[in-house]
Amino acid sequence: MTAPRLLLPLAVAGLLATAAPASAKLTITPFQTPTKQIRCAYMSGDGFGPLIRCDLLFLNDRAVVLDKTGKARRATVTDTVADPKGKVLGYGKSRRFGRFTCTSRRTGLTCRNRANGHGFTVSRERQKVW
C-alpha cells in the first residue's frame, strides 16, 4: 500500500470526527485527471458534505474544495485524498457527483455546483475559484 493510499482513510477519519455523527455513513468516490497530477474525492454522507476536494500534486500541500454552499476555495492541506487507484476522468469527459459536475480537458479540470453556479478550474498553469 502506498503512502497516499494510507492517508486517505486518515483524512476522512479526521473529517468525520469533526463534522459528522458517529452513525454517519460516508461515501467516498475518488477520481483523477489523465496526468494523475490532480486527484480528487467526492465525499457525502449523513450529516457530512457533499463536497469535492482536489489535491494538486504539482503544488506542495495545496488543494481546492467545493462544498454544497458558497464559493470554491483554495486550501492548504496536511493530509491527502489522492488515491492512485481513483478512476481516470478522460479528456473531454464529464461526470456528475450529486449536485456537482466535473469536466476534464487538456487545459484543466473544472468542477461546478449545479445548484448555485460556484466552482473551480485547476491546471498546472492556473487555479481559478468562483
N, C-alpha and C. Protein backbone atom coordinates (compact mmCIF):
# COMPACT_ATOMS: atom_id res chain seq x y z
N MET A 1 0.84 -1.18 0.00
CA MET A 1 0.00 0.00 0.00
C MET A 1 0.88 1.24 0.00
N THR A 2 0.58 2.20 -0.84
CA THR A 2 1.39 3.41 -0.93
C THR A 2 1.00 4.40 0.15
N ALA A 3 1.87 5.33 0.42
CA ALA A 3 1.61 6.32 1.46
C ALA A 3 0.34 7.11 1.19
N PRO A 4 0.08 7.62 -0.05
CA PRO A 4 -1.16 8.36 -0.28
C PRO A 4 -2.40 7.51 0.02
N ARG A 5 -2.35 6.24 -0.28
CA ARG A 5 -3.49 5.35 -0.03
C ARG A 5 -3.73 5.24 1.47
N LEU A 6 -2.67 5.22 2.26
CA LEU A 6 -2.81 5.13 3.70
C LEU A 6 -3.40 6.41 4.29
N LEU A 7 -3.08 7.55 3.69
CA LEU A 7 -3.54 8.81 4.24
C LEU A 7 -5.01 9.10 3.97
N LEU A 8 -5.58 8.54 2.91
CA LEU A 8 -6.99 8.79 2.60
C LEU A 8 -7.89 8.41 3.78
N PRO A 9 -7.78 7.19 4.35
CA PRO A 9 -8.64 6.88 5.49
C PRO A 9 -8.38 7.80 6.68
N LEU A 10 -7.14 8.22 6.89
CA LEU A 10 -6.85 9.13 8.00
C LEU A 10 -7.48 10.49 7.77
N ALA A 11 -7.42 10.98 6.54
CA ALA A 11 -8.03 12.26 6.23
C ALA A 11 -9.53 12.21 6.45
N VAL A 12 -10.16 11.16 5.98
CA VAL A 12 -11.61 11.02 6.12
C VAL A 12 -11.98 10.84 7.59
N ALA A 13 -11.20 10.08 8.32
CA ALA A 13 -11.48 9.88 9.75
C ALA A 13 -11.43 11.22 10.48
N GLY A 14 -10.46 12.06 10.12
CA GLY A 14 -10.37 13.37 10.74
C GLY A 14 -11.57 14.23 10.40
N LEU A 15 -12.02 14.20 9.17
CA LEU A 15 -13.19 14.97 8.77
C LEU A 15 -14.43 14.47 9.49
N LEU A 16 -14.58 13.17 9.59
CA LEU A 16 -15.75 12.61 10.26
C LEU A 16 -15.76 12.94 11.75
N ALA A 17 -14.60 12.91 12.37
CA ALA A 17 -14.52 13.17 13.80
C ALA A 17 -15.03 14.56 14.14
N THR A 18 -14.86 15.50 13.21
CA THR A 18 -15.27 16.86 13.50
C THR A 18 -16.58 17.26 12.83
N ALA A 19 -17.03 16.51 11.82
CA ALA A 19 -18.14 17.01 11.02
C ALA A 19 -19.39 16.13 11.01
N ALA A 20 -19.31 14.90 11.47
CA ALA A 20 -20.46 14.03 11.31
C ALA A 20 -20.68 13.19 12.57
N PRO A 21 -21.93 12.82 12.83
CA PRO A 21 -22.19 11.96 13.97
C PRO A 21 -21.59 10.57 13.76
N ALA A 22 -21.39 9.85 14.87
CA ALA A 22 -20.74 8.53 14.81
C ALA A 22 -21.50 7.55 13.93
N SER A 23 -22.80 7.71 13.77
CA SER A 23 -23.59 6.77 12.99
C SER A 23 -23.60 7.10 11.50
N ALA A 24 -22.92 8.16 11.10
CA ALA A 24 -22.95 8.60 9.70
C ALA A 24 -22.27 7.61 8.78
N LYS A 25 -22.88 7.43 7.62
CA LYS A 25 -22.28 6.61 6.58
C LYS A 25 -21.70 7.56 5.54
N LEU A 26 -20.40 7.42 5.27
CA LEU A 26 -19.72 8.30 4.34
C LEU A 26 -19.43 7.57 3.06
N THR A 27 -19.76 8.20 1.93
CA THR A 27 -19.44 7.65 0.62
C THR A 27 -18.30 8.48 0.05
N ILE A 28 -17.24 7.80 -0.40
CA ILE A 28 -16.09 8.47 -0.99
C ILE A 28 -15.89 7.91 -2.38
N THR A 29 -15.85 8.81 -3.38
CA THR A 29 -15.62 8.40 -4.76
C THR A 29 -14.38 9.11 -5.26
N PRO A 30 -13.23 8.41 -5.32
CA PRO A 30 -12.02 9.05 -5.81
C PRO A 30 -11.97 9.07 -7.33
N PHE A 31 -11.35 10.12 -7.89
CA PHE A 31 -11.13 10.19 -9.33
C PHE A 31 -9.92 11.07 -9.58
N GLN A 32 -9.40 11.03 -10.81
CA GLN A 32 -8.20 11.79 -11.13
C GLN A 32 -8.17 12.15 -12.61
N THR A 33 -7.34 13.12 -12.94
CA THR A 33 -7.16 13.51 -14.33
C THR A 33 -6.20 12.54 -15.01
N PRO A 34 -6.17 12.53 -16.35
CA PRO A 34 -5.28 11.61 -17.06
C PRO A 34 -3.79 11.76 -16.71
N THR A 35 -3.36 12.97 -16.34
CA THR A 35 -1.96 13.17 -15.96
C THR A 35 -1.66 12.64 -14.56
N LYS A 36 -2.73 12.36 -13.81
CA LYS A 36 -2.64 11.90 -12.42
C LYS A 36 -2.01 12.96 -11.49
N GLN A 37 -2.01 14.21 -11.94
CA GLN A 37 -1.47 15.30 -11.14
C GLN A 37 -2.54 16.05 -10.36
N ILE A 38 -3.81 15.80 -10.70
CA ILE A 38 -4.95 16.34 -9.96
C ILE A 38 -5.76 15.13 -9.53
N ARG A 39 -5.79 14.88 -8.23
CA ARG A 39 -6.52 13.73 -7.69
C ARG A 39 -7.58 14.23 -6.73
N CYS A 40 -8.78 13.74 -6.93
CA CYS A 40 -9.94 14.28 -6.23
C CYS A 40 -10.72 13.19 -5.51
N ALA A 41 -11.62 13.65 -4.63
CA ALA A 41 -12.56 12.76 -3.99
C ALA A 41 -13.87 13.50 -3.80
N TYR A 42 -14.97 12.84 -4.16
CA TYR A 42 -16.31 13.32 -3.86
C TYR A 42 -16.70 12.62 -2.56
N MET A 43 -17.11 13.39 -1.57
CA MET A 43 -17.47 12.83 -0.26
C MET A 43 -18.85 13.31 0.13
N SER A 44 -19.66 12.36 0.59
CA SER A 44 -21.01 12.68 1.02
C SER A 44 -21.49 11.63 2.01
N GLY A 45 -22.28 12.06 2.96
CA GLY A 45 -22.84 11.12 3.92
C GLY A 45 -23.82 11.80 4.84
N ASP A 46 -24.43 11.03 5.72
CA ASP A 46 -25.39 11.57 6.69
C ASP A 46 -24.72 12.66 7.52
N GLY A 47 -25.16 13.88 7.38
CA GLY A 47 -24.61 14.97 8.16
C GLY A 47 -23.27 15.49 7.69
N PHE A 48 -22.78 15.04 6.55
CA PHE A 48 -21.48 15.47 6.05
C PHE A 48 -21.57 15.75 4.55
N GLY A 49 -20.99 16.87 4.14
CA GLY A 49 -20.92 17.17 2.71
C GLY A 49 -22.27 17.56 2.15
N PRO A 50 -22.42 17.37 0.87
CA PRO A 50 -21.44 16.82 -0.07
C PRO A 50 -20.36 17.84 -0.39
N LEU A 51 -19.20 17.33 -0.79
CA LEU A 51 -18.12 18.20 -1.23
C LEU A 51 -17.19 17.45 -2.17
N ILE A 52 -16.46 18.23 -2.94
CA ILE A 52 -15.39 17.70 -3.79
C ILE A 52 -14.12 18.40 -3.37
N ARG A 53 -13.10 17.59 -3.15
CA ARG A 53 -11.77 18.14 -2.85
C ARG A 53 -10.80 17.58 -3.87
N CYS A 54 -9.99 18.44 -4.46
CA CYS A 54 -8.97 18.02 -5.42
C CYS A 54 -7.60 18.44 -4.91
N ASP A 55 -6.73 17.47 -4.73
CA ASP A 55 -5.35 17.74 -4.33
C ASP A 55 -4.53 18.01 -5.58
N LEU A 56 -3.75 19.07 -5.54
CA LEU A 56 -2.93 19.49 -6.68
C LEU A 56 -1.51 18.99 -6.42
N LEU A 57 -1.18 17.85 -6.98
CA LEU A 57 0.08 17.19 -6.65
C LEU A 57 1.30 17.94 -7.16
N PHE A 58 1.11 18.88 -8.08
CA PHE A 58 2.22 19.67 -8.60
C PHE A 58 2.52 20.88 -7.71
N LEU A 59 1.69 21.12 -6.70
CA LEU A 59 1.92 22.16 -5.70
C LEU A 59 1.96 21.49 -4.33
N ASN A 60 2.91 21.86 -3.52
CA ASN A 60 3.02 21.23 -2.20
C ASN A 60 1.87 21.62 -1.29
N ASP A 61 1.18 20.62 -0.76
CA ASP A 61 0.16 20.82 0.26
C ASP A 61 -0.96 21.77 -0.15
N ARG A 62 -1.35 21.74 -1.42
CA ARG A 62 -2.41 22.60 -1.89
C ARG A 62 -3.56 21.78 -2.46
N ALA A 63 -4.78 22.30 -2.25
CA ALA A 63 -5.98 21.65 -2.75
C ALA A 63 -7.02 22.73 -3.05
N VAL A 64 -8.07 22.33 -3.74
CA VAL A 64 -9.25 23.17 -3.91
C VAL A 64 -10.44 22.38 -3.38
N VAL A 65 -11.38 23.09 -2.79
CA VAL A 65 -12.54 22.46 -2.17
C VAL A 65 -13.80 23.17 -2.65
N LEU A 66 -14.79 22.38 -3.01
CA LEU A 66 -16.09 22.90 -3.40
C LEU A 66 -17.12 22.15 -2.58
N ASP A 67 -17.89 22.89 -1.77
CA ASP A 67 -18.92 22.21 -0.97
C ASP A 67 -20.30 22.64 -1.42
N LYS A 68 -21.31 22.23 -0.67
CA LYS A 68 -22.69 22.42 -1.12
C LYS A 68 -23.14 23.88 -1.08
N THR A 69 -22.46 24.72 -0.32
CA THR A 69 -22.81 26.14 -0.28
C THR A 69 -21.55 26.97 -0.46
N GLY A 70 -21.71 28.14 -0.97
CA GLY A 70 -20.59 29.07 -1.07
C GLY A 70 -19.66 28.81 -2.23
N LYS A 71 -18.67 29.68 -2.32
CA LYS A 71 -17.69 29.62 -3.39
C LYS A 71 -16.68 28.51 -3.13
N ALA A 72 -16.05 28.05 -4.21
CA ALA A 72 -14.93 27.13 -4.07
C ALA A 72 -13.80 27.90 -3.39
N ARG A 73 -12.88 27.16 -2.78
CA ARG A 73 -11.77 27.82 -2.10
C ARG A 73 -10.48 27.03 -2.25
N ARG A 74 -9.38 27.74 -2.23
CA ARG A 74 -8.07 27.12 -2.18
C ARG A 74 -7.81 26.74 -0.73
N ALA A 75 -7.07 25.65 -0.52
CA ALA A 75 -6.79 25.22 0.84
C ALA A 75 -5.37 24.71 0.96
N THR A 76 -4.78 24.96 2.10
CA THR A 76 -3.51 24.33 2.45
C THR A 76 -3.88 23.08 3.24
N VAL A 77 -3.34 21.93 2.84
CA VAL A 77 -3.72 20.66 3.46
C VAL A 77 -2.48 19.94 3.97
N THR A 78 -2.68 19.16 5.02
CA THR A 78 -1.60 18.33 5.56
C THR A 78 -1.93 16.85 5.46
N ASP A 79 -3.07 16.54 4.87
CA ASP A 79 -3.46 15.16 4.61
C ASP A 79 -3.66 15.03 3.10
N THR A 80 -4.25 13.94 2.65
CA THR A 80 -4.46 13.77 1.22
C THR A 80 -5.72 12.97 0.94
N VAL A 81 -6.34 13.26 -0.18
CA VAL A 81 -7.42 12.43 -0.71
C VAL A 81 -6.96 11.76 -2.00
N ALA A 82 -5.67 11.93 -2.32
CA ALA A 82 -5.11 11.42 -3.58
C ALA A 82 -5.02 9.91 -3.56
N ASP A 83 -5.96 9.26 -4.22
CA ASP A 83 -5.98 7.80 -4.31
C ASP A 83 -5.46 7.42 -5.70
N PRO A 84 -4.30 6.77 -5.79
CA PRO A 84 -3.76 6.42 -7.10
C PRO A 84 -4.63 5.43 -7.87
N LYS A 85 -5.59 4.80 -7.20
CA LYS A 85 -6.48 3.87 -7.88
C LYS A 85 -7.80 4.52 -8.29
N GLY A 86 -7.91 5.83 -8.09
CA GLY A 86 -9.13 6.53 -8.48
C GLY A 86 -9.35 6.45 -9.98
N LYS A 87 -10.61 6.39 -10.38
CA LYS A 87 -10.95 6.30 -11.79
C LYS A 87 -10.49 7.55 -12.54
N VAL A 88 -9.90 7.35 -13.70
CA VAL A 88 -9.43 8.47 -14.52
C VAL A 88 -10.62 9.07 -15.27
N LEU A 89 -10.77 10.38 -15.14
CA LEU A 89 -11.78 11.12 -15.89
C LEU A 89 -11.09 11.63 -17.15
N GLY A 90 -11.33 10.95 -18.27
CA GLY A 90 -10.63 11.24 -19.52
C GLY A 90 -10.92 12.62 -20.07
N TYR A 91 -10.00 13.12 -20.88
CA TYR A 91 -10.17 14.43 -21.51
C TYR A 91 -11.46 14.46 -22.32
N GLY A 92 -12.21 15.54 -22.17
CA GLY A 92 -13.46 15.71 -22.89
C GLY A 92 -14.63 15.01 -22.22
N LYS A 93 -14.39 14.36 -21.09
CA LYS A 93 -15.44 13.63 -20.37
C LYS A 93 -15.92 14.43 -19.16
N SER A 94 -17.19 14.24 -18.83
CA SER A 94 -17.78 14.85 -17.64
C SER A 94 -18.39 13.76 -16.79
N ARG A 95 -18.48 14.04 -15.51
CA ARG A 95 -19.12 13.10 -14.59
C ARG A 95 -19.86 13.89 -13.52
N ARG A 96 -21.04 13.40 -13.19
CA ARG A 96 -21.85 14.02 -12.13
C ARG A 96 -21.59 13.31 -10.81
N PHE A 97 -21.47 14.12 -9.79
CA PHE A 97 -21.33 13.63 -8.42
C PHE A 97 -22.36 14.42 -7.61
N GLY A 98 -23.53 13.83 -7.37
CA GLY A 98 -24.58 14.57 -6.67
C GLY A 98 -24.88 15.86 -7.38
N ARG A 99 -24.76 16.99 -6.68
CA ARG A 99 -25.05 18.31 -7.25
C ARG A 99 -23.90 18.90 -8.06
N PHE A 100 -22.77 18.17 -8.13
CA PHE A 100 -21.58 18.66 -8.82
C PHE A 100 -21.39 17.98 -10.17
N THR A 101 -20.79 18.72 -11.11
CA THR A 101 -20.36 18.16 -12.38
C THR A 101 -18.91 18.54 -12.58
N CYS A 102 -18.08 17.55 -12.91
CA CYS A 102 -16.66 17.79 -13.19
C CYS A 102 -16.37 17.41 -14.63
N THR A 103 -15.61 18.25 -15.31
CA THR A 103 -15.23 18.03 -16.70
C THR A 103 -13.72 18.12 -16.82
N SER A 104 -13.14 17.11 -17.45
CA SER A 104 -11.69 17.07 -17.67
C SER A 104 -11.39 17.51 -19.10
N ARG A 105 -10.45 18.43 -19.21
CA ARG A 105 -9.98 18.88 -20.52
C ARG A 105 -8.46 18.94 -20.48
N ARG A 106 -7.85 18.98 -21.64
CA ARG A 106 -6.39 19.12 -21.67
C ARG A 106 -5.93 20.41 -20.99
N THR A 107 -6.80 21.39 -20.93
CA THR A 107 -6.48 22.67 -20.32
C THR A 107 -6.73 22.69 -18.81
N GLY A 108 -7.30 21.62 -18.24
CA GLY A 108 -7.52 21.55 -16.80
C GLY A 108 -8.82 20.87 -16.43
N LEU A 109 -9.05 20.80 -15.14
CA LEU A 109 -10.25 20.18 -14.58
C LEU A 109 -11.16 21.28 -14.07
N THR A 110 -12.44 21.22 -14.46
CA THR A 110 -13.44 22.16 -13.98
C THR A 110 -14.52 21.39 -13.24
N CYS A 111 -14.84 21.85 -12.02
CA CYS A 111 -15.95 21.28 -11.25
C CYS A 111 -16.88 22.43 -10.87
N ARG A 112 -18.18 22.18 -11.02
CA ARG A 112 -19.20 23.19 -10.73
C ARG A 112 -20.29 22.60 -9.84
N ASN A 113 -20.83 23.46 -9.00
CA ASN A 113 -22.01 23.13 -8.22
C ASN A 113 -23.20 23.59 -9.05
N ARG A 114 -23.99 22.64 -9.55
CA ARG A 114 -25.11 23.00 -10.42
C ARG A 114 -26.19 23.76 -9.66
N ALA A 115 -26.23 23.64 -8.34
CA ALA A 115 -27.27 24.31 -7.55
C ALA A 115 -27.04 25.81 -7.41
N ASN A 116 -25.75 26.24 -7.34
CA ASN A 116 -25.50 27.66 -7.12
C ASN A 116 -24.51 28.29 -8.11
N GLY A 117 -23.95 27.50 -9.02
CA GLY A 117 -23.06 28.03 -10.04
C GLY A 117 -21.61 28.20 -9.63
N HIS A 118 -21.27 27.98 -8.36
CA HIS A 118 -19.89 28.12 -7.91
C HIS A 118 -19.05 26.95 -8.40
N GLY A 119 -17.72 27.16 -8.44
CA GLY A 119 -16.86 26.09 -8.88
C GLY A 119 -15.41 26.48 -8.95
N PHE A 120 -14.64 25.65 -9.67
CA PHE A 120 -13.22 25.92 -9.86
C PHE A 120 -12.74 25.30 -11.16
N THR A 121 -11.65 25.87 -11.68
CA THR A 121 -10.90 25.29 -12.78
C THR A 121 -9.45 25.27 -12.33
N VAL A 122 -8.82 24.11 -12.41
CA VAL A 122 -7.43 23.98 -11.98
C VAL A 122 -6.60 23.29 -13.05
N SER A 123 -5.37 23.76 -13.17
CA SER A 123 -4.37 23.16 -14.05
C SER A 123 -3.02 23.54 -13.47
N ARG A 124 -1.97 23.03 -14.08
CA ARG A 124 -0.63 23.38 -13.63
C ARG A 124 -0.40 24.89 -13.79
N GLU A 125 -0.97 25.47 -14.83
CA GLU A 125 -0.75 26.88 -15.14
C GLU A 125 -1.54 27.85 -14.27
N ARG A 126 -2.76 27.45 -13.87
CA ARG A 126 -3.57 28.38 -13.07
C ARG A 126 -4.61 27.64 -12.24
N GLN A 127 -5.04 28.31 -11.19
CA GLN A 127 -6.09 27.79 -10.32
C GLN A 127 -7.09 28.93 -10.11
N LYS A 128 -8.29 28.75 -10.64
CA LYS A 128 -9.32 29.78 -10.55
C LYS A 128 -10.50 29.22 -9.75
N VAL A 129 -10.96 29.99 -8.78
CA VAL A 129 -12.13 29.61 -7.98
C VAL A 129 -13.18 30.72 -8.07
N TRP A 130 -14.45 30.31 -8.04
CA TRP A 130 -15.53 31.29 -8.07
C TRP A 130 -16.71 30.79 -7.27
